[in-house]
C-alpha cells in the first residue's frame, strides 16, 4: 500500500497560520561568513525568489540594504517583512556599554522593517569562523564568565523590551553556548522575563543533542525557531576529517527541512501543541553553486506545507 503524505494523514501537525508565520533566511543565497559563496545573487533576486517560493518573512543578510527605508520599500513591494537579524554580542571581551550601543542601533533598524525579534549569539572566543575543527577545542566559560554573559544579556533583553523588541539567544556550534549542558545552564541563569531561546534544530543535531528534548523543555520560553536540516554522514566526515564549521557548510552539512536526517514531525507537533506564536524560519546555509537557492526554497516550502498545513 502506498504511504500517505503527511498532508493526507490524520496525525499530521497542523500549525495555525494566525499564530505561526513562515520565513526563510538569505544564507542559502549568499553567505555572510564566506561572501564568495553566492556573490552573484543580488538582494533583489534573493527576496524576489523568497516571495515567489511562498515565504512572507526574511532574516537580514549581509547584502541587504543598510538604509532602513530602502529595505522596507523593497519588502513592501513583495508583501514581506523582516522577522529577525543575527546580532553578534561580545559581552565577554568588550565593555557592556559598547555592546549595548550597537544593540540599540540594530533594534531600532529591525523594528522599522517589521521585526519584533533580534537573535543574539555570543561571539567572544567563537571558533565558528576559524580554520579549526568545529567538533574539537571550543571555548568553555568559567563561572565568572557565565555571570558576565547572562547578566549582560538580561540587561540587553530589558533594553529590547523597552523598544518593543524581544531578545532571543541562538545556541550555535563553535560558540560558548553549544552543548545541552550549556543551553540548560544558560536558560537557568538568564532573566526569563527578558531573554528567550532561538531554537535551532540543525545546531542541536550537529552538537549531538536531541532537538525534540530541547524544544520540549523550552518551548514556553522560545520566541524564534530555525528549521535547519542536517546530513549526518557529513557530520561523521567532519569529525573524521577535522573539518572547520565553514568547510562543512561549503561541502553540504546543512540542508532544508525534509532533505536531511532531522525528524521534523515531533518538532512540528510540539509547536502545534504549545500554541507557539512567532516565526518558523527555514535556514540552510549551503553553497548555492551546488544547491540552487530557489530550488531548495521551493523544496522546503512544499515539505512544510505537506507536513504542517502552513
Protein backbone atom coordinates (compact mmCIF):
# COMPACT_ATOMS: atom_id res chain seq x y z
CA UNK A 1 0.00 0.00 0.00
CA UNK A 2 1.37 3.40 -0.95
CA UNK A 3 2.39 5.50 2.04
CA UNK A 4 0.26 8.56 2.65
CA UNK A 5 1.78 12.02 2.52
CA UNK A 6 1.77 13.82 5.84
CA UNK A 7 -0.91 16.15 4.48
CA UNK A 8 -3.18 13.12 3.93
CA UNK A 9 -2.73 11.63 7.40
CA UNK A 10 -4.86 12.38 10.43
CA UNK A 11 -1.84 12.55 12.73
CA UNK A 12 -0.16 15.44 10.91
CA UNK A 13 0.61 18.52 12.97
CA UNK A 14 -1.49 21.43 11.77
CA UNK A 15 0.06 24.80 12.50
CA UNK A 16 -2.26 27.78 12.91
CA UNK A 17 -1.46 30.39 10.26
CA UNK A 18 -2.77 33.07 12.60
CA UNK A 19 -0.10 32.15 15.15
CA UNK A 20 2.81 30.69 13.20
CA UNK A 21 4.43 32.64 10.38
CA UNK A 22 6.81 31.15 7.84
CA UNK A 23 10.06 32.83 6.83
CA UNK A 24 13.36 31.94 5.23
CA UNK A 25 16.94 33.08 5.78
CA UNK A 26 19.01 34.53 2.92
CA UNK A 27 22.01 32.39 3.88
CA UNK A 28 21.00 29.89 1.19
CA UNK A 29 21.57 32.60 -1.43
CA UNK A 30 24.65 34.30 0.00
CA UNK A 31 26.83 33.53 3.00
CA UNK A 32 27.93 36.39 5.25
CA UNK A 33 30.87 34.38 6.62
CA UNK A 34 32.02 33.33 3.13
CA UNK A 35 30.88 36.17 0.84
CA UNK A 36 32.37 34.45 -2.19
CA UNK A 37 29.53 31.92 -1.94
CA UNK A 38 26.60 33.31 -3.89
CA UNK A 39 28.20 36.66 -4.61
CA UNK A 40 26.32 36.65 -7.92
CA UNK A 41 22.94 36.58 -6.12
CA UNK A 42 21.68 40.13 -5.64
CA UNK A 43 19.43 41.35 -2.86
CA UNK A 44 16.57 41.96 -5.29
CA UNK A 45 16.86 38.45 -6.71
CA UNK A 46 17.04 36.92 -3.24
CA UNK A 47 13.86 38.44 -1.85
CA UNK A 48 12.00 38.04 -5.14
CA UNK A 49 12.72 34.31 -5.11
CA UNK A 50 11.72 34.10 -1.45
CA UNK A 51 8.37 35.71 -2.21
CA UNK A 52 7.86 33.59 -5.32
CA UNK A 53 8.50 30.45 -3.28
CA UNK A 54 5.75 31.47 -0.85
CA UNK A 55 7.60 32.93 2.14
CA UNK A 56 6.35 36.02 3.96
CA UNK A 57 9.37 36.82 6.10
CA UNK A 58 13.12 37.06 5.72
CA UNK A 59 16.02 37.44 8.06
CA UNK A 60 18.60 40.11 7.22
CA UNK A 61 21.59 39.19 5.08
CA UNK A 62 24.87 40.97 4.59
CA UNK A 63 23.94 42.03 1.06
CA UNK A 64 20.68 43.68 2.18
CA UNK A 65 20.31 47.48 2.11
CA UNK A 66 21.54 49.12 5.29
CA UNK A 67 19.22 52.11 4.82
CA UNK A 68 16.04 51.03 6.55
CA UNK A 69 13.71 52.98 4.24
CA UNK A 70 15.16 51.27 1.17
CA UNK A 71 14.87 47.84 2.73
CA UNK A 72 11.29 48.37 3.84
CA UNK A 73 10.21 49.62 0.41
CA UNK A 74 11.68 46.55 -1.31
CA UNK A 75 9.96 44.26 1.17
CA UNK A 76 6.60 46.07 0.95
CA UNK A 77 6.59 45.60 -2.82
CA UNK A 78 6.70 41.84 -2.24
CA UNK A 79 4.35 41.76 0.78
CA UNK A 80 7.20 40.67 3.03
CA UNK A 81 8.74 41.76 6.31
CA UNK A 82 11.98 41.19 8.17
CA UNK A 83 11.50 38.75 11.04
CA UNK A 84 14.92 38.68 12.69
CA UNK A 85 18.58 39.52 12.35
CA UNK A 86 21.67 37.97 13.85
CA UNK A 87 23.39 40.13 16.48
CA UNK A 88 26.96 39.34 17.46
CA UNK A 89 27.43 40.13 21.12
CA UNK A 90 30.89 40.34 22.68
CA UNK A 91 29.93 40.63 26.31
CA UNK A 92 32.95 38.63 27.49
CA UNK A 93 35.52 40.70 25.61
CA UNK A 94 34.07 44.20 25.19
CA UNK A 95 32.62 46.74 27.63
CA UNK A 96 28.88 46.28 28.14
CA UNK A 97 28.17 49.87 27.11
CA UNK A 98 29.82 49.33 23.73
CA UNK A 99 27.73 46.22 23.08
CA UNK A 100 24.52 47.94 24.18
CA UNK A 101 25.12 50.86 21.82
CA UNK A 102 25.31 48.54 18.80
CA UNK A 103 22.37 46.51 20.10
CA UNK A 104 20.10 49.56 20.37
CA UNK A 105 21.06 50.66 16.87
CA UNK A 106 20.19 47.25 15.44
CA UNK A 107 16.91 47.01 17.37
CA UNK A 108 15.83 50.38 16.00
CA UNK A 109 16.61 49.26 12.44
CA UNK A 110 14.79 45.95 12.86
CA UNK A 111 11.67 47.46 14.39
CA UNK A 112 11.28 49.80 11.43
CA UNK A 113 11.45 46.97 8.88
CA UNK A 114 8.88 44.82 10.68
CA UNK A 115 10.83 42.59 13.05
CA UNK A 116 9.99 42.21 16.72
CA UNK A 117 12.77 39.71 17.44
CA UNK A 118 16.55 40.05 17.48
CA UNK A 119 18.70 36.93 17.59
CA UNK A 120 21.88 37.29 19.62
CA UNK A 121 24.88 34.97 19.66
CA UNK A 122 27.88 35.48 21.92
CA UNK A 123 30.87 35.63 19.61
CA UNK A 124 33.65 36.07 22.14
CA UNK A 125 36.10 33.19 21.61
CA UNK A 126 33.88 31.67 18.89
CA UNK A 127 35.57 29.20 16.54
CA UNK A 128 32.70 29.03 14.03
CA UNK A 129 34.53 31.23 11.55
CA UNK A 130 38.03 29.89 12.20
CA UNK A 131 40.01 27.28 10.33
CA UNK A 132 39.97 24.72 13.11
CA UNK A 133 37.94 21.55 13.74
CA UNK A 134 34.39 22.52 14.72
CA UNK A 135 33.97 19.40 16.86
CA UNK A 136 37.15 19.99 18.87
CA UNK A 137 38.53 22.66 21.14
CA UNK A 138 35.69 25.11 21.57
CA UNK A 139 35.98 27.63 24.41
CA UNK A 140 34.44 26.74 27.78
CA UNK A 141 33.43 29.58 30.08
CA UNK A 142 34.40 29.80 33.75
CA UNK A 143 31.89 30.75 36.45
CA UNK A 144 32.70 34.47 36.29
CA UNK A 145 32.22 34.49 32.54
CA UNK A 146 28.86 32.77 32.89
CA UNK A 147 27.80 35.57 35.23
CA UNK A 148 29.07 38.26 32.87
CA UNK A 149 27.32 36.76 29.86
CA UNK A 150 23.94 36.04 31.42
CA UNK A 151 23.71 39.29 33.36
CA UNK A 152 24.74 41.27 30.28
CA UNK A 153 22.18 39.57 28.09
CA UNK A 154 19.47 40.04 30.70
CA UNK A 155 20.24 43.77 30.66
CA UNK A 156 20.11 43.81 26.86
CA UNK A 157 16.83 41.91 26.99
CA UNK A 158 15.32 44.58 29.19
CA UNK A 159 16.53 47.25 26.75
CA UNK A 160 14.94 45.29 23.90
CA UNK A 161 11.61 45.04 25.71
CA UNK A 162 11.57 48.80 26.22
CA UNK A 163 11.95 49.14 22.43
CA UNK A 164 9.07 46.74 21.72
CA UNK A 165 11.54 44.03 20.74
CA UNK A 166 12.31 40.55 22.10
CA UNK A 167 15.84 39.29 22.65
CA UNK A 168 16.33 35.66 21.66
CA UNK A 169 19.59 33.78 22.08
CA UNK A 170 20.95 31.48 19.39
CA UNK A 171 22.80 28.40 20.66
CA UNK A 172 25.37 27.72 17.94
CA UNK A 173 28.19 25.39 17.00
CA UNK A 174 31.61 26.66 17.95
CA UNK A 175 30.37 29.22 20.48
CA UNK A 176 30.29 29.35 24.26
CA UNK A 177 26.71 28.01 24.28
CA UNK A 178 26.70 24.87 22.15
CA UNK A 179 26.16 21.77 24.30
CA UNK A 180 22.99 20.63 26.03
CA UNK A 181 24.52 21.36 29.43
CA UNK A 182 25.45 24.87 28.29
CA UNK A 183 21.95 25.52 26.95
CA UNK A 184 20.47 24.37 30.26
CA UNK A 185 22.83 26.47 32.34
CA UNK A 186 22.21 29.49 30.14
CA UNK A 187 18.43 29.20 30.40
CA UNK A 188 18.71 28.73 34.15
CA UNK A 189 20.81 31.86 34.65
CA UNK A 190 19.25 34.47 32.34
CA UNK A 191 16.23 36.50 33.39
CA UNK A 192 13.22 34.65 31.88
CA UNK A 193 11.35 37.94 31.57
CA UNK A 194 13.89 39.39 29.17
CA UNK A 195 15.85 36.62 27.43
CA UNK A 196 14.30 33.88 25.31
CA UNK A 197 15.54 31.00 23.21
CA UNK A 198 16.15 30.95 19.48
CA UNK A 199 15.79 27.22 18.90
CA UNK A 200 17.77 25.73 16.01
CA UNK A 201 17.09 22.10 15.06
CA UNK A 202 20.26 21.82 13.00
CA UNK A 203 22.64 23.16 15.62
CA UNK A 204 21.13 20.86 18.24
CA UNK A 205 21.62 17.89 15.93
CA UNK A 206 25.17 18.89 14.97
CA UNK A 207 26.06 19.09 18.68
CA UNK A 208 24.65 15.58 19.17
CA UNK A 209 21.68 16.90 21.14
CA UNK A 210 18.15 15.60 20.67
CA UNK A 211 16.35 18.68 19.29
CA UNK A 212 12.99 17.32 20.44
CA UNK A 213 14.21 17.17 24.03
CA UNK A 214 15.45 20.77 23.96
CA UNK A 215 12.35 22.17 22.28
CA UNK A 216 10.03 20.20 24.60
CA UNK A 217 11.81 21.63 27.61
CA UNK A 218 11.98 25.24 26.44
CA UNK A 219 9.10 25.79 24.02
CA UNK A 220 7.42 28.06 26.57
CA UNK A 221 10.50 30.28 26.52
CA UNK A 222 11.14 30.06 22.78
CA UNK A 223 10.36 33.10 20.63
CA UNK A 224 12.03 32.21 17.32
CA UNK A 225 12.65 28.90 15.55
CA UNK A 226 15.15 27.91 12.88
CA UNK A 227 14.14 24.87 10.84
CA UNK A 228 17.52 23.57 9.73
CA UNK A 229 18.13 20.04 8.46
CA UNK A 230 21.37 18.10 8.72
CA UNK A 231 23.11 15.37 6.75
CA UNK A 232 24.51 13.04 9.41
CA UNK A 233 27.02 11.39 7.11
CA UNK A 234 28.61 14.81 6.59
CA UNK A 235 28.85 15.30 10.38
CA UNK A 236 30.67 11.95 10.57
CA UNK A 237 33.05 13.19 7.88
CA UNK A 238 33.53 16.45 9.74
CA UNK A 239 34.54 14.51 12.83
CA UNK A 240 36.82 12.10 10.98
CA UNK A 241 38.49 14.71 8.79
CA UNK A 242 38.54 17.54 11.33
CA UNK A 243 36.53 19.95 9.20
CA UNK A 244 36.00 23.52 10.32
CA UNK A 245 32.42 24.75 10.58
CA UNK A 246 32.69 26.69 7.33
CA UNK A 247 34.26 23.76 5.48
CA UNK A 248 31.30 21.65 6.50
CA UNK A 249 28.90 24.33 5.28
CA UNK A 250 30.67 24.50 1.94
CA UNK A 251 30.58 20.72 1.49
CA UNK A 252 26.90 20.35 2.44
CA UNK A 253 26.45 19.58 6.15
CA UNK A 254 23.20 21.55 6.29
CA UNK A 255 20.14 21.50 4.06
CA UNK A 256 16.47 22.48 4.07
CA UNK A 257 13.82 20.60 6.07
CA UNK A 258 12.91 17.28 4.52
CA UNK A 259 16.18 16.89 2.65
CA UNK A 260 18.32 15.58 5.52
CA UNK A 261 18.16 13.38 8.61
CA UNK A 262 16.38 15.52 11.22
CA UNK A 263 12.92 14.21 12.12
CA UNK A 264 10.70 17.29 11.98
CA UNK A 265 7.39 15.55 12.71
CA UNK A 266 7.77 15.72 16.54
CA UNK A 267 9.14 19.26 16.27
CA UNK A 268 6.05 20.38 14.36
CA UNK A 269 3.88 18.59 16.91
CA UNK A 270 5.49 20.45 19.81
CA UNK A 271 4.96 23.76 18.02
CA UNK A 272 1.30 22.90 17.48
CA UNK A 273 0.58 21.58 20.97
CA UNK A 274 2.30 24.51 22.73
CA UNK A 275 0.32 27.20 20.93
CA UNK A 276 3.61 28.81 19.90
CA UNK A 277 3.23 32.27 18.40
CA UNK A 278 6.02 33.55 16.20
CA UNK A 279 8.16 32.78 13.21
CA UNK A 280 9.50 29.47 12.00
CA UNK A 281 12.33 30.14 9.58
CA UNK A 282 13.93 27.85 7.03
CA UNK A 283 17.67 28.27 7.41
CA UNK A 284 20.10 26.13 5.45
CA UNK A 285 23.49 27.52 4.60
CA UNK A 286 24.82 25.70 1.55
CA UNK A 287 26.98 26.52 -1.44
CA UNK A 288 24.43 27.96 -3.91
CA UNK A 289 26.55 26.63 -6.77
CA UNK A 290 25.75 23.13 -5.51
CA UNK A 291 22.25 23.72 -4.12
CA UNK A 292 20.25 26.20 -6.18
CA UNK A 293 18.66 28.55 -3.62
CA UNK A 294 15.31 28.94 -5.37
CA UNK A 295 15.00 25.21 -5.99
CA UNK A 296 15.74 24.43 -2.35
CA UNK A 297 13.39 27.17 -1.13
CA UNK A 298 10.61 25.55 -3.16
CA UNK A 299 11.56 22.13 -1.80
CA UNK A 300 11.37 23.42 1.77
CA UNK A 301 8.09 25.24 1.15
CA UNK A 302 6.49 22.10 -0.28
CA UNK A 303 7.69 19.93 2.60
CA UNK A 304 6.41 22.34 5.25
CA UNK A 305 3.04 22.72 3.53
CA UNK A 306 2.65 18.95 3.37
CA UNK A 307 3.67 18.41 7.00
CA UNK A 308 2.09 21.40 8.77
CA UNK A 309 -0.57 22.91 6.53
CA UNK A 310 1.21 26.26 6.56
